Amino acid sequence: MNIITVIPLTRSKLAGELSYFTASNVPVGALVDVHIRTKTVQAIVTSVKPASDSKSDIKRASYTLKKLGSVKATAFFPVSFLESAHTLADYYATSVGSIIDKLVSHTIIDHARDITIPLSPDAHGSKQEVYAIQGDDTDRISSWRSL
């Protein structure tokens, strides 16, 4: 059993971080669905702790932990991105969820299960590259020049 701390991706004035419990191993940076009041909201996992480490804190809490919803994508946001979002939230005096909500498109979050991140080397031993503008080299260079 694990205690998961998440940041909801919403503009509402919720608490900065919320806690849920789950039996699965969810990594930091994963994109998950959480239940807040009557709505289901996407959230980012910021920390994972075994429940046995904080058993007394859970018993003394004035609230009960809810079960974590479904996991949409594992290791979706890198830790460096989350640290940058914390820095921006401090600078602009807002929540981290609000910053990430503005920085990341809703289309990307909605289709997180379909996105694969090419981090492993291909058959030739070189890393795969992801280009901002797709196409062959001539088309990409002409698109950049027109911008």
N, C-alpha and C. Protein backbone atom coordinates (compact mmCIF):
# COMPACT_ATOMS: atom_id res chain seq x y z
N MET A 1 0.85 -1.17 0.00
CA MET A 1 0.00 0.00 0.00
C MET A 1 0.89 1.24 0.00
N ASN A 2 0.60 2.20 -0.87
CA ASN A 2 1.38 3.42 -0.99
C ASN A 2 0.50 4.65 -0.79
N ILE A 3 1.10 5.69 -0.25
CA ILE A 3 0.44 6.99 -0.14
C ILE A 3 1.01 7.87 -1.24
N ILE A 4 0.14 8.35 -2.12
CA ILE A 4 0.53 9.14 -3.28
C ILE A 4 0.14 10.59 -3.03
N THR A 5 1.06 11.50 -3.24
CA THR A 5 0.77 12.93 -3.17
C THR A 5 0.70 13.45 -4.60
N VAL A 6 -0.37 14.17 -4.93
CA VAL A 6 -0.59 14.65 -6.30
C VAL A 6 -0.86 16.15 -6.31
N ILE A 7 -0.63 16.74 -7.47
CA ILE A 7 -0.99 18.14 -7.73
C ILE A 7 -2.09 18.11 -8.78
N PRO A 8 -3.30 18.57 -8.46
CA PRO A 8 -4.38 18.58 -9.45
C PRO A 8 -4.12 19.63 -10.53
N LEU A 9 -4.42 19.28 -11.78
CA LEU A 9 -4.25 20.20 -12.89
C LEU A 9 -5.56 20.95 -13.11
N THR A 10 -5.76 21.96 -12.30
CA THR A 10 -6.97 22.75 -12.37
C THR A 10 -6.68 24.18 -11.95
N ARG A 11 -7.53 25.10 -12.40
CA ARG A 11 -7.34 26.50 -12.04
C ARG A 11 -8.07 26.88 -10.76
N SER A 12 -8.83 25.97 -10.20
CA SER A 12 -9.59 26.29 -9.00
C SER A 12 -8.66 26.46 -7.80
N LYS A 13 -9.17 27.02 -6.76
CA LYS A 13 -8.38 27.33 -5.56
C LYS A 13 -8.34 26.15 -4.60
N LEU A 14 -7.95 24.99 -5.08
CA LEU A 14 -7.82 23.82 -4.22
C LEU A 14 -6.52 23.88 -3.45
N ALA A 15 -6.38 23.00 -2.52
CA ALA A 15 -5.10 22.87 -1.82
C ALA A 15 -4.03 22.50 -2.83
N GLY A 16 -2.80 22.90 -2.56
CA GLY A 16 -1.71 22.67 -3.50
C GLY A 16 -1.48 21.20 -3.78
N GLU A 17 -1.45 20.38 -2.76
CA GLU A 17 -1.22 18.95 -2.94
C GLU A 17 -2.28 18.16 -2.18
N LEU A 18 -2.67 17.04 -2.76
CA LEU A 18 -3.66 16.16 -2.14
C LEU A 18 -3.06 14.76 -2.01
N SER A 19 -3.54 13.99 -1.06
CA SER A 19 -3.02 12.64 -0.83
C SER A 19 -4.08 11.59 -1.10
N TYR A 20 -3.65 10.49 -1.68
CA TYR A 20 -4.52 9.36 -2.00
C TYR A 20 -3.77 8.08 -1.68
N PHE A 21 -4.47 6.95 -1.62
CA PHE A 21 -3.80 5.68 -1.41
C PHE A 21 -4.01 4.78 -2.62
N THR A 22 -3.05 3.89 -2.85
CA THR A 22 -3.13 2.94 -3.95
C THR A 22 -2.28 1.72 -3.63
N ALA A 23 -2.63 0.61 -4.23
CA ALA A 23 -1.86 -0.61 -4.04
C ALA A 23 -0.80 -0.77 -5.13
N SER A 24 -0.93 -0.03 -6.22
CA SER A 24 0.03 -0.16 -7.32
C SER A 24 1.23 0.77 -7.11
N ASN A 25 2.31 0.46 -7.81
CA ASN A 25 3.51 1.29 -7.77
C ASN A 25 3.44 2.33 -8.88
N VAL A 26 3.20 3.56 -8.51
CA VAL A 26 3.07 4.65 -9.46
C VAL A 26 4.31 5.54 -9.32
N PRO A 27 5.03 5.82 -10.43
CA PRO A 27 6.25 6.63 -10.30
C PRO A 27 5.94 8.12 -10.19
N VAL A 28 6.92 8.87 -9.70
CA VAL A 28 6.79 10.33 -9.63
C VAL A 28 6.76 10.86 -11.06
N GLY A 29 5.86 11.80 -11.32
CA GLY A 29 5.71 12.37 -12.66
C GLY A 29 4.62 11.72 -13.47
N ALA A 30 3.96 10.70 -12.92
CA ALA A 30 2.89 10.02 -13.65
C ALA A 30 1.64 10.90 -13.70
N LEU A 31 0.87 10.73 -14.75
CA LEU A 31 -0.38 11.45 -14.91
C LEU A 31 -1.51 10.51 -14.50
N VAL A 32 -2.33 10.93 -13.53
CA VAL A 32 -3.38 10.08 -12.98
C VAL A 32 -4.71 10.84 -12.94
N ASP A 33 -5.79 10.08 -12.81
CA ASP A 33 -7.11 10.66 -12.58
C ASP A 33 -7.41 10.58 -11.10
N VAL A 34 -7.88 11.69 -10.50
CA VAL A 34 -8.25 11.70 -9.09
C VAL A 34 -9.67 12.25 -8.97
N HIS A 35 -10.34 11.84 -7.90
CA HIS A 35 -11.71 12.30 -7.65
C HIS A 35 -11.66 13.43 -6.62
N ILE A 36 -12.15 14.58 -7.01
CA ILE A 36 -12.25 15.74 -6.12
C ILE A 36 -13.71 16.15 -6.09
N ARG A 37 -14.27 16.03 -4.91
CA ARG A 37 -15.70 16.26 -4.71
C ARG A 37 -16.50 15.39 -5.67
N THR A 38 -17.16 15.98 -6.67
CA THR A 38 -17.96 15.17 -7.59
C THR A 38 -17.34 15.06 -8.97
N LYS A 39 -16.14 15.63 -9.16
CA LYS A 39 -15.51 15.63 -10.48
C LYS A 39 -14.27 14.73 -10.50
N THR A 40 -13.92 14.30 -11.68
CA THR A 40 -12.66 13.59 -11.90
C THR A 40 -11.72 14.54 -12.61
N VAL A 41 -10.53 14.73 -12.03
CA VAL A 41 -9.56 15.70 -12.52
C VAL A 41 -8.23 14.98 -12.75
N GLN A 42 -7.49 15.44 -13.76
CA GLN A 42 -6.15 14.91 -13.95
C GLN A 42 -5.21 15.52 -12.93
N ALA A 43 -4.20 14.75 -12.53
CA ALA A 43 -3.23 15.22 -11.54
C ALA A 43 -1.87 14.59 -11.83
N ILE A 44 -0.82 15.22 -11.28
CA ILE A 44 0.54 14.72 -11.44
C ILE A 44 1.03 14.21 -10.10
N VAL A 45 1.63 13.04 -10.09
CA VAL A 45 2.17 12.45 -8.87
C VAL A 45 3.47 13.17 -8.52
N THR A 46 3.56 13.69 -7.29
CA THR A 46 4.78 14.40 -6.86
C THR A 46 5.59 13.60 -5.86
N SER A 47 4.96 12.69 -5.12
CA SER A 47 5.72 11.85 -4.20
C SER A 47 4.97 10.56 -3.93
N VAL A 48 5.76 9.53 -3.62
CA VAL A 48 5.21 8.21 -3.31
C VAL A 48 5.89 7.73 -2.04
N LYS A 49 5.08 7.35 -1.02
CA LYS A 49 5.62 6.83 0.23
C LYS A 49 4.87 5.56 0.59
N PRO A 50 5.57 4.58 1.15
CA PRO A 50 4.86 3.41 1.65
C PRO A 50 3.95 3.80 2.82
N ALA A 51 2.78 3.20 2.88
CA ALA A 51 1.83 3.53 3.95
C ALA A 51 2.35 3.11 5.31
N SER A 52 3.21 2.12 5.34
CA SER A 52 3.73 1.67 6.63
C SER A 52 4.62 2.72 7.29
N ASP A 53 5.24 3.61 6.49
CA ASP A 53 6.08 4.67 7.05
C ASP A 53 5.28 5.74 7.78
N SER A 54 4.07 5.97 7.37
CA SER A 54 3.27 7.04 7.98
C SER A 54 1.93 6.52 8.50
N LYS A 55 1.93 5.34 9.06
CA LYS A 55 0.70 4.72 9.57
C LYS A 55 0.08 5.53 10.70
N SER A 56 0.89 6.03 11.61
CA SER A 56 0.34 6.80 12.73
C SER A 56 -0.21 8.14 12.26
N ASP A 57 0.41 8.75 11.26
CA ASP A 57 -0.11 10.02 10.72
C ASP A 57 -1.46 9.81 10.04
N ILE A 58 -1.62 8.69 9.38
CA ILE A 58 -2.88 8.39 8.71
C ILE A 58 -4.00 8.19 9.74
N LYS A 59 -3.69 7.51 10.84
CA LYS A 59 -4.71 7.27 11.86
C LYS A 59 -5.11 8.56 12.58
N ARG A 60 -4.15 9.48 12.77
CA ARG A 60 -4.44 10.72 13.49
C ARG A 60 -5.05 11.80 12.61
N ALA A 61 -5.07 11.62 11.31
CA ALA A 61 -5.57 12.65 10.40
C ALA A 61 -7.07 12.86 10.61
N SER A 62 -7.49 14.10 10.41
CA SER A 62 -8.91 14.44 10.58
C SER A 62 -9.73 14.08 9.34
N TYR A 63 -9.10 13.60 8.31
CA TYR A 63 -9.77 13.23 7.07
C TYR A 63 -9.40 11.80 6.70
N THR A 64 -10.17 11.21 5.81
CA THR A 64 -9.85 9.86 5.34
C THR A 64 -9.27 9.95 3.93
N LEU A 65 -8.33 9.09 3.65
CA LEU A 65 -7.72 9.07 2.32
C LEU A 65 -8.63 8.36 1.34
N LYS A 66 -8.76 8.93 0.14
CA LYS A 66 -9.53 8.30 -0.92
C LYS A 66 -8.61 7.44 -1.77
N LYS A 67 -9.22 6.52 -2.49
CA LYS A 67 -8.46 5.65 -3.38
C LYS A 67 -8.11 6.43 -4.65
N LEU A 68 -6.90 6.20 -5.15
CA LEU A 68 -6.42 6.83 -6.37
C LEU A 68 -7.21 6.31 -7.56
N GLY A 69 -7.52 7.19 -8.51
CA GLY A 69 -8.22 6.78 -9.73
C GLY A 69 -7.28 6.03 -10.66
N SER A 70 -7.56 6.07 -11.93
CA SER A 70 -6.75 5.33 -12.89
C SER A 70 -5.47 6.09 -13.23
N VAL A 71 -4.46 5.34 -13.64
CA VAL A 71 -3.19 5.92 -14.07
C VAL A 71 -3.26 6.09 -15.58
N LYS A 72 -3.12 7.34 -16.03
CA LYS A 72 -3.22 7.62 -17.47
C LYS A 72 -1.90 7.38 -18.18
N ALA A 73 -0.79 7.82 -17.58
CA ALA A 73 0.53 7.64 -18.20
C ALA A 73 1.58 7.65 -17.11
N THR A 74 2.51 6.71 -17.17
CA THR A 74 3.58 6.66 -16.17
C THR A 74 4.77 7.45 -16.68
N ALA A 75 5.47 8.10 -15.78
CA ALA A 75 6.66 8.91 -16.08
C ALA A 75 6.39 9.88 -17.21
N PHE A 76 5.27 10.58 -17.13
CA PHE A 76 4.88 11.50 -18.19
C PHE A 76 5.60 12.83 -18.07
N PHE A 77 5.70 13.36 -16.87
CA PHE A 77 6.39 14.63 -16.63
C PHE A 77 7.72 14.36 -15.94
N PRO A 78 8.84 14.88 -16.48
CA PRO A 78 10.12 14.69 -15.80
C PRO A 78 10.19 15.52 -14.52
N VAL A 79 11.05 15.10 -13.61
CA VAL A 79 11.19 15.79 -12.32
C VAL A 79 11.66 17.22 -12.53
N SER A 80 12.53 17.46 -13.52
CA SER A 80 13.01 18.82 -13.79
C SER A 80 11.87 19.74 -14.21
N PHE A 81 10.88 19.22 -14.93
CA PHE A 81 9.72 20.02 -15.31
C PHE A 81 8.90 20.41 -14.08
N LEU A 82 8.74 19.46 -13.16
CA LEU A 82 7.98 19.75 -11.94
C LEU A 82 8.71 20.77 -11.07
N GLU A 83 10.04 20.70 -11.01
CA GLU A 83 10.81 21.69 -10.25
C GLU A 83 10.66 23.08 -10.87
N SER A 84 10.68 23.16 -12.19
CA SER A 84 10.48 24.45 -12.87
C SER A 84 9.09 25.00 -12.61
N ALA A 85 8.09 24.12 -12.59
CA ALA A 85 6.73 24.56 -12.30
C ALA A 85 6.62 25.10 -10.87
N HIS A 86 7.32 24.47 -9.91
CA HIS A 86 7.33 24.98 -8.53
C HIS A 86 7.95 26.37 -8.47
N THR A 87 9.05 26.57 -9.20
CA THR A 87 9.71 27.87 -9.23
C THR A 87 8.80 28.93 -9.83
N LEU A 88 8.12 28.61 -10.91
CA LEU A 88 7.19 29.56 -11.53
C LEU A 88 6.01 29.86 -10.63
N ALA A 89 5.51 28.85 -9.93
CA ALA A 89 4.39 29.06 -9.02
C ALA A 89 4.78 30.00 -7.88
N ASP A 90 5.99 29.85 -7.36
CA ASP A 90 6.46 30.77 -6.32
C ASP A 90 6.60 32.19 -6.86
N TYR A 91 7.13 32.32 -8.06
CA TYR A 91 7.36 33.64 -8.66
C TYR A 91 6.04 34.36 -8.94
N TYR A 92 5.07 33.65 -9.50
CA TYR A 92 3.79 34.26 -9.87
C TYR A 92 2.72 34.14 -8.79
N ALA A 93 3.07 33.62 -7.63
CA ALA A 93 2.15 33.50 -6.49
C ALA A 93 0.86 32.79 -6.86
N THR A 94 1.01 31.62 -7.41
CA THR A 94 -0.14 30.81 -7.79
C THR A 94 0.17 29.34 -7.47
N SER A 95 -0.72 28.45 -7.82
CA SER A 95 -0.50 27.04 -7.54
C SER A 95 0.26 26.37 -8.68
N VAL A 96 0.92 25.28 -8.37
CA VAL A 96 1.69 24.53 -9.37
C VAL A 96 0.74 23.94 -10.41
N GLY A 97 -0.41 23.47 -9.97
CA GLY A 97 -1.39 22.92 -10.89
C GLY A 97 -1.87 23.93 -11.91
N SER A 98 -2.03 25.17 -11.48
CA SER A 98 -2.44 26.23 -12.39
C SER A 98 -1.36 26.53 -13.42
N ILE A 99 -0.10 26.52 -12.99
CA ILE A 99 1.02 26.75 -13.91
C ILE A 99 1.08 25.64 -14.97
N ILE A 100 1.00 24.39 -14.53
CA ILE A 100 1.08 23.27 -15.47
C ILE A 100 -0.15 23.24 -16.37
N ASP A 101 -1.29 23.63 -15.84
CA ASP A 101 -2.52 23.71 -16.63
C ASP A 101 -2.36 24.71 -17.78
N LYS A 102 -1.64 25.79 -17.54
CA LYS A 102 -1.41 26.79 -18.58
C LYS A 102 -0.29 26.39 -19.54
N LEU A 103 0.73 25.69 -19.06
CA LEU A 103 1.88 25.35 -19.89
C LEU A 103 1.63 24.18 -20.83
N VAL A 104 0.82 23.23 -20.41
CA VAL A 104 0.62 22.00 -21.18
C VAL A 104 -0.78 22.02 -21.79
N SER A 105 -0.84 21.72 -23.07
CA SER A 105 -2.11 21.71 -23.79
C SER A 105 -3.04 20.62 -23.25
N HIS A 106 -4.33 20.91 -23.23
CA HIS A 106 -5.31 19.93 -22.77
C HIS A 106 -5.37 18.73 -23.72
N THR A 107 -5.07 18.95 -24.99
CA THR A 107 -5.07 17.85 -25.96
C THR A 107 -3.99 16.84 -25.61
N ILE A 108 -2.82 17.32 -25.19
CA ILE A 108 -1.74 16.41 -24.81
C ILE A 108 -2.13 15.62 -23.57
N ILE A 109 -2.73 16.28 -22.60
CA ILE A 109 -3.12 15.59 -21.37
C ILE A 109 -4.24 14.59 -21.63
N ASP A 110 -5.19 14.96 -22.49
CA ASP A 110 -6.30 14.05 -22.79
C ASP A 110 -5.85 12.81 -23.54
N HIS A 111 -4.80 12.92 -24.36
CA HIS A 111 -4.30 11.80 -25.15
C HIS A 111 -2.98 11.27 -24.61
N ALA A 112 -2.77 11.37 -23.31
CA ALA A 112 -1.50 10.95 -22.70
C ALA A 112 -1.25 9.46 -22.87
N ARG A 113 -2.28 8.66 -22.91
CA ARG A 113 -2.10 7.21 -23.07
C ARG A 113 -1.56 6.85 -24.44
N ASP A 114 -1.84 7.68 -25.44
CA ASP A 114 -1.43 7.39 -26.80
C ASP A 114 -0.02 7.85 -27.12
N ILE A 115 0.56 8.68 -26.25
CA ILE A 115 1.88 9.26 -26.51
C ILE A 115 2.96 8.32 -26.00
N THR A 116 3.90 8.00 -26.87
CA THR A 116 5.06 7.21 -26.47
C THR A 116 6.28 8.10 -26.56
N ILE A 117 7.12 8.04 -25.57
CA ILE A 117 8.31 8.88 -25.53
C ILE A 117 9.49 8.04 -25.99
N PRO A 118 10.12 8.40 -27.13
CA PRO A 118 11.24 7.59 -27.65
C PRO A 118 12.53 7.91 -26.92
N LEU A 119 12.82 7.19 -25.85
CA LEU A 119 14.02 7.42 -25.08
C LEU A 119 15.10 6.37 -25.33
N SER A 120 14.72 5.23 -25.85
CA SER A 120 15.69 4.16 -26.04
C SER A 120 16.35 4.28 -27.41
N PRO A 121 17.58 3.82 -27.53
CA PRO A 121 18.27 3.85 -28.83
C PRO A 121 17.58 2.92 -29.82
N ASP A 122 17.68 3.28 -31.11
CA ASP A 122 17.09 2.42 -32.13
C ASP A 122 18.05 1.27 -32.47
N ALA A 123 17.77 0.52 -33.52
CA ALA A 123 18.55 -0.67 -33.85
C ALA A 123 20.00 -0.36 -34.21
N HIS A 124 20.27 0.86 -34.68
CA HIS A 124 21.62 1.23 -35.08
C HIS A 124 22.45 1.78 -33.92
N GLY A 125 21.86 1.91 -32.74
CA GLY A 125 22.59 2.39 -31.58
C GLY A 125 22.53 3.90 -31.38
N SER A 126 21.87 4.61 -32.28
CA SER A 126 21.76 6.07 -32.11
C SER A 126 20.39 6.39 -31.51
N LYS A 127 20.33 7.51 -30.80
CA LYS A 127 19.07 7.90 -30.17
C LYS A 127 18.11 8.47 -31.22
N GLN A 128 16.84 8.21 -31.03
CA GLN A 128 15.84 8.77 -31.91
C GLN A 128 15.65 10.23 -31.56
N GLU A 129 15.42 11.06 -32.58
CA GLU A 129 15.22 12.48 -32.35
C GLU A 129 13.77 12.84 -32.64
N VAL A 130 13.23 13.74 -31.86
CA VAL A 130 11.88 14.22 -32.06
C VAL A 130 11.99 15.67 -32.51
N TYR A 131 11.43 15.98 -33.66
CA TYR A 131 11.51 17.32 -34.22
C TYR A 131 10.22 18.09 -33.94
N ALA A 132 10.35 19.40 -33.74
CA ALA A 132 9.18 20.24 -33.51
C ALA A 132 8.37 20.37 -34.79
N ILE A 133 9.04 20.40 -35.93
CA ILE A 133 8.37 20.45 -37.23
C ILE A 133 8.73 19.17 -37.95
N GLN A 134 7.71 18.38 -38.30
CA GLN A 134 7.94 17.09 -38.93
C GLN A 134 8.16 17.24 -40.43
N GLY A 135 8.83 16.29 -41.02
CA GLY A 135 9.08 16.27 -42.45
C GLY A 135 10.55 16.01 -42.72
N ASP A 136 10.91 16.01 -44.03
CA ASP A 136 12.33 15.82 -44.32
C ASP A 136 13.09 17.12 -44.05
N ASP A 137 14.40 17.08 -44.14
CA ASP A 137 15.24 18.22 -43.76
C ASP A 137 14.91 19.47 -44.56
N THR A 138 14.68 19.35 -45.87
CA THR A 138 14.40 20.52 -46.70
C THR A 138 13.10 21.20 -46.28
N ASP A 139 12.06 20.41 -46.02
CA ASP A 139 10.78 20.98 -45.60
C ASP A 139 10.89 21.65 -44.23
N ARG A 140 11.61 21.02 -43.31
CA ARG A 140 11.76 21.59 -41.97
C ARG A 140 12.52 22.90 -42.00
N ILE A 141 13.60 22.96 -42.78
CA ILE A 141 14.40 24.19 -42.85
C ILE A 141 13.60 25.31 -43.49
N SER A 142 12.83 25.01 -44.55
CA SER A 142 12.01 26.05 -45.17
C SER A 142 10.90 26.51 -44.22
N SER A 143 10.36 25.61 -43.41
CA SER A 143 9.34 26.01 -42.43
C SER A 143 9.94 26.92 -41.37
N TRP A 144 11.14 26.59 -40.91
CA TRP A 144 11.79 27.45 -39.91
C TRP A 144 12.11 28.82 -40.50
N ARG A 145 12.56 28.87 -41.75
CA ARG A 145 12.84 30.17 -42.38
C ARG A 145 11.60 31.02 -42.51
N SER A 146 10.48 30.39 -42.83
CA SER A 146 9.23 31.16 -42.99
C SER A 146 8.73 31.69 -41.65
N LEU A 147 9.09 31.01 -40.55
CA LEU A 147 8.69 31.50 -39.24
C LEU A 147 9.47 32.75 -38.88
